[in-house]
C-alpha atoms as a PDB file:
ATOM      1  CA  MET A   1     106.929 191.746   9.040  1.00  0.00           C
ATOM      2  CA  LYS A   2     111.013 191.893   7.936  1.00  0.00           C
ATOM      3  CA  ILE A   3     113.699 189.603   8.990  1.00  0.00           C
ATOM      4  CA  SER A   4     117.199 190.567  10.270  1.00  0.00           C
ATOM      5  CA  HIS A   5     119.879 188.295  11.282  1.00  0.00           C
ATOM      6  CA  ASP A   6     121.202 191.328  13.558  1.00  0.00           C
ATOM      7  CA  TYR A   7     120.478 191.699  17.250  1.00  0.00           C
ATOM      8  CA  PRO A   8     117.761 193.872  18.393  1.00  0.00           C
ATOM      9  CA  PRO A   9     118.053 196.951  19.621  1.00  0.00           C
ATOM     10  CA  CYS A  10     117.207 195.787  23.241  1.00  0.00           C
ATOM     11  CA  TRP A  11     119.629 192.836  23.099  1.00  0.00           C
ATOM     12  CA  ALA A  12     121.923 194.174  26.029  1.00  0.00           C
ATOM     13  CA  GLU A  13     118.868 195.138  28.310  1.00  0.00           C
ATOM     14  CA  LEU A  14     117.266 191.459  27.593  1.00  0.00           C
ATOM     15  CA  ASN A  15     120.782 189.730  28.151  1.00  0.00           C
ATOM     16  CA  GLU A  16     121.537 191.551  31.453  1.00  0.00           C
ATOM     17  CA  ALA A  17     117.941 190.887  32.947  1.00  0.00           C
ATOM     18  CA  PHE A  18     118.001 187.285  31.883  1.00  0.00           C
ATOM     19  CA  HIS A  19     121.693 186.089  30.922  1.00  0.00           C
ATOM     20  CA  LEU A  20     120.973 184.753  27.472  1.00  0.00           C
ATOM     21  CA  THR A  21     124.785 184.552  26.560  1.00  0.00           C
ATOM     22  CA  GLU A  22     125.581 182.946  29.821  1.00  0.00           C
ATOM     23  CA  LYS A  23     122.869 180.691  29.504  1.00  0.00           C
ATOM     24  CA  GLY A  24     123.733 179.833  25.996  1.00  0.00           C
ATOM     25  CA  MET A  25     119.998 180.635  25.033  1.00  0.00           C
ATOM     26  CA  LYS A  26     119.394 181.736  21.538  1.00  0.00           C
ATOM     27  CA  PRO A  27     116.206 183.745  21.176  1.00  0.00           C
ATOM     28  CA  VAL A  28     114.161 184.888  18.173  1.00  0.00           C
ATOM     29  CA  ILE A  29     112.891 188.504  18.918  1.00  0.00           C
ATOM     30  CA  THR A  30     110.607 190.793  17.650  1.00  0.00           C
ATOM     31  CA  TYR A  31     111.125 194.405  17.952  1.00  0.00           C
ATOM     32  CA  GLY A  32     108.403 196.541  16.441  1.00  0.00           C
ATOM     33  CA  ASP A  33     107.845 195.418  12.945  1.00  0.00           C
ATOM     34  CA  VAL A  34     111.047 193.279  12.674  1.00  0.00           C
ATOM     35  CA  ILE A  35     111.995 189.722  13.423  1.00  0.00           C
ATOM     36  CA  PHE A  36     115.616 189.419  14.689  1.00  0.00           C
ATOM     37  CA  ASN A  37     117.144 186.051  14.197  1.00  0.00           C
ATOM     38  CA  PRO A  38     120.513 186.637  15.162  1.00  0.00           C
ATOM     39  CA  PHE A  39     121.326 183.018  15.130  1.00  0.00           C
ATOM     40  CA  HIS A  40     119.951 181.870  12.243  1.00  0.00           C
ATOM     41  CA  LEU A  41     117.367 179.664  13.743  1.00  0.00           C
ATOM     42  CA  ASN A  42     114.921 177.936  11.583  1.00  0.00           C
ATOM     43  CA  LEU A  43     111.554 180.142  11.476  1.00  0.00           C
ATOM     44  CA  THR A  44     108.884 177.737  11.652  1.00  0.00           C
ATOM     45  CA  PRO A  45     105.422 178.941  10.203  1.00  0.00           C
ATOM     46  CA  ASP A  46     104.309 178.161  14.112  1.00  0.00           C
ATOM     47  CA  LEU A  47     107.181 180.510  15.518  1.00  0.00           C
ATOM     48  CA  ILE A  48     106.821 183.034  12.817  1.00  0.00           C
ATOM     49  CA  GLU A  49     102.967 183.171  14.272  1.00  0.00           C
ATOM     50  CA  HIS A  50     104.702 183.785  17.768  1.00  0.00           C
ATOM     51  CA  GLU A  51     106.760 186.276  16.730  1.00  0.00           C
ATOM     52  CA  MET A  52     103.933 187.920  14.532  1.00  0.00           C
ATOM     53  CA  VAL A  53     101.614 188.248  18.217  1.00  0.00           C
ATOM     54  CA  HIS A  54     104.665 190.070  19.725  1.00  0.00           C
ATOM     55  CA  GLY A  55     104.732 192.729  16.455  1.00  0.00           C
ATOM     56  CA  GLU A  56     101.121 193.289  17.148  1.00  0.00           C
ATOM     57  CA  GLN A  57     101.568 194.162  21.081  1.00  0.00           C
ATOM     58  CA  GLN A  58     104.360 196.399  20.038  1.00  0.00           C
ATOM     59  CA  SER A  59     101.827 198.104  17.444  1.00  0.00           C
ATOM     60  CA  HIS A  60     104.830 197.214  14.739  1.00  0.00           C
ATOM     61  CA  ASN A  61     106.091 200.276  15.746  1.00  0.00           C
ATOM     62  CA  PRO A  62     109.810 200.858  17.450  1.00  0.00           C
ATOM     63  CA  VAL A  63     109.087 203.487  19.493  1.00  0.00           C
ATOM     64  CA  VAL A  64     106.275 201.172  21.187  1.00  0.00           C
ATOM     65  CA  ALA A  65     108.549 198.290  21.112  1.00  0.00           C
ATOM     66  CA  LYS A  66     111.239 200.243  23.585  1.00  0.00           C
ATOM     67  CA  LEU A  67     108.368 200.610  26.174  1.00  0.00           C
ATOM     68  CA  TRP A  68     107.224 197.360  25.672  1.00  0.00           C
ATOM     69  CA  TYR A  69     110.642 195.930  26.309  1.00  0.00           C
ATOM     70  CA  GLN A  70     111.209 198.154  29.628  1.00  0.00           C
ATOM     71  CA  ARG A  71     107.938 196.706  30.945  1.00  0.00           C
ATOM     72  CA  TYR A  72     108.461 193.376  29.920  1.00  0.00           C
ATOM     73  CA  ILE A  73     111.922 192.999  31.528  1.00  0.00           C
ATOM     74  CA  ALA A  74     110.616 194.898  34.739  1.00  0.00           C
ATOM     75  CA  ASP A  75     106.997 193.352  35.313  1.00  0.00           C
ATOM     76  CA  LYS A  76     107.049 189.665  35.499  1.00  0.00           C
ATOM     77  CA  ASP A  77     102.863 189.333  35.322  1.00  0.00           C
ATOM     78  CA  PHE A  78     103.251 191.439  31.947  1.00  0.00           C
ATOM     79  CA  ARG A  79     105.799 189.156  30.349  1.00  0.00           C
ATOM     80  CA  LEU A  80     103.656 185.934  31.567  1.00  0.00           C
ATOM     81  CA  GLU A  81     100.328 187.825  29.595  1.00  0.00           C
ATOM     82  CA  GLN A  82     102.264 188.404  26.624  1.00  0.00           C
ATOM     83  CA  GLU A  83     104.129 185.558  26.254  1.00  0.00           C
ATOM     84  CA  THR A  84     101.131 183.253  26.909  1.00  0.00           C
ATOM     85  CA  GLU A  85      99.366 185.196  24.008  1.00  0.00           C
ATOM     86  CA  ALA A  86     101.893 184.608  21.813  1.00  0.00           C
ATOM     87  CA  TYR A  87     102.055 181.028  22.756  1.00  0.00           C
ATOM     88  CA  ALA A  88      98.752 180.313  22.644  1.00  0.00           C
ATOM     89  CA  LYS A  89      98.710 181.417  18.949  1.00  0.00           C
ATOM     90  CA  GLN A  90     101.750 179.229  18.422  1.00  0.00           C
ATOM     91  CA  TYR A  91      99.838 176.362  19.877  1.00  0.00           C
ATOM     92  CA  GLN A  92      96.912 177.126  17.467  1.00  0.00           C
ATOM     93  CA  THR A  93      99.065 177.063  14.478  1.00  0.00           C
ATOM     94  CA  LEU A  94     100.605 173.765  15.444  1.00  0.00           C
ATOM     95  CA  CYS A  95      96.965 172.169  16.264  1.00  0.00           C
ATOM     96  CA  LYS A  96      95.882 172.651  12.466  1.00  0.00           C
ATOM     97  CA  GLN A  97      99.073 171.130  11.446  1.00  0.00           C
ATOM     98  CA  HIS A  98      98.601 168.301  13.962  1.00  0.00           C
ATOM     99  CA  LYS A  99      95.238 166.228  14.234  1.00  0.00           C
ATOM    100  CA  ASP A 100      96.398 163.901  16.463  1.00  0.00           C
ATOM    101  CA  ARG A 101      95.668 164.234  20.237  1.00  0.00           C
ATOM    102  CA  ASN A 102      99.080 162.544  21.547  1.00  0.00           C
ATOM    103  CA  LYS A 103     100.980 164.745  19.009  1.00  0.00           C
ATOM    104  CA  ARG A 104      99.134 168.047  20.481  1.00  0.00           C
ATOM    105  CA  THR A 105      99.583 166.896  24.027  1.00  0.00           C
ATOM    106  CA  ARG A 106     103.388 166.690  23.116  1.00  0.00           C
ATOM    107  CA  LEU A 107     103.643 169.832  21.654  1.00  0.00           C
ATOM    108  CA  LEU A 108     101.640 171.881  24.369  1.00  0.00           C
ATOM    109  CA  SER A 109     104.004 170.091  26.747  1.00  0.00           C
ATOM    110  CA  GLN A 110     107.240 171.452  24.881  1.00  0.00           C
ATOM    111  CA  LEU A 111     105.655 175.002  24.728  1.00  0.00           C
ATOM    112  CA  ALA A 112     104.994 175.122  28.222  1.00  0.00           C
ATOM    113  CA  GLY A 113     108.375 173.795  28.824  1.00  0.00           C
ATOM    114  CA  MET A 114     109.683 176.828  26.899  1.00  0.00           C
ATOM    115  CA  LEU A 115     106.960 179.236  28.735  1.00  0.00           C
ATOM    116  CA  SER A 116     108.187 178.204  32.306  1.00  0.00           C
ATOM    117  CA  GLY A 117     111.701 178.118  31.620  1.00  0.00           C
ATOM    118  CA  GLU A 118     114.900 180.052  32.641  1.00  0.00           C
ATOM    119  CA  MET A 119     114.505 182.475  29.197  1.00  0.00           C
ATOM    120  CA  TYR A 120     111.373 184.460  30.753  1.00  0.00           C
ATOM    121  CA  GLY A 121     112.597 184.134  34.213  1.00  0.00           C
ATOM    122  CA  SER A 122     110.868 180.750  35.775  1.00  0.00           C
ATOM    123  CA  ILE A 123     107.619 182.955  35.934  1.00  0.00           C
ATOM    124  CA  VAL A 124     105.396 180.220  36.041  1.00  0.00           C
ATOM    125  CA  THR A 125     104.891 176.290  36.640  1.00  0.00           C
ATOM    126  CA  HIS A 126     105.254 173.788  33.600  1.00  0.00           C
ATOM    127  CA  SER A 127     101.708 172.795  34.819  1.00  0.00           C
ATOM    128  CA  GLU A 128     100.379 176.122  35.161  1.00  0.00           C
ATOM    129  CA  ALA A 129     101.761 177.503  31.765  1.00  0.00           C
ATOM    130  CA  GLN A 130     100.207 174.452  30.016  1.00  0.00           C
ATOM    131  CA  ARG A 131      96.855 175.447  31.536  1.00  0.00           C
ATOM    132  CA  LEU A 132      97.133 178.690  30.283  1.00  0.00           C
ATOM    133  CA  ILE A 133      98.228 178.035  26.857  1.00  0.00           C
ATOM    134  CA  ARG A 134      95.588 175.602  26.484  1.00  0.00           C
ATOM    135  CA  ASN A 135      92.776 178.047  27.991  1.00  0.00           C
ATOM    136  CA  GLN A 136      94.084 180.799  25.666  1.00  0.00           C
ATOM    137  CA  ALA A 137      94.430 178.932  22.636  1.00  0.00           C
ATOM    138  CA  ASN A 138      90.660 177.503  23.400  1.00  0.00           C
ATOM    139  CA  VAL A 139      91.768 174.427  21.135  1.00  0.00           C
ATOM    140  CA  LEU A 140      89.927 171.121  21.318  1.00  0.00           C
END
């Protein structure tokens, strides 16, 4: 996947739906086969894995990505399903790097905090986000 420091084509729609700028959020956004990182955040291996899942969900295709984002914004259940899959992959990647169970628990809590946060419209509780990520990641 390519990386760009521009804003993604869907930025205006996402910002309108989730008030990203207003809330000071600085997301990394995949659109088709490009990871957009307009805020120059550190793209860690686990975050890249997360974004690659979104690329796969969008068939690495900008035409599919446009339709995907329309549904993503309008349908909170779809958004939760798509993000849960991405966060589960991110958690799997982190678990390969960290074998300590306490560290894994903290990392899972952090990921669940993001999934249950304002960036996605507070679509799930923190504890439910933890359960969803853990179950989909299937990490022991």
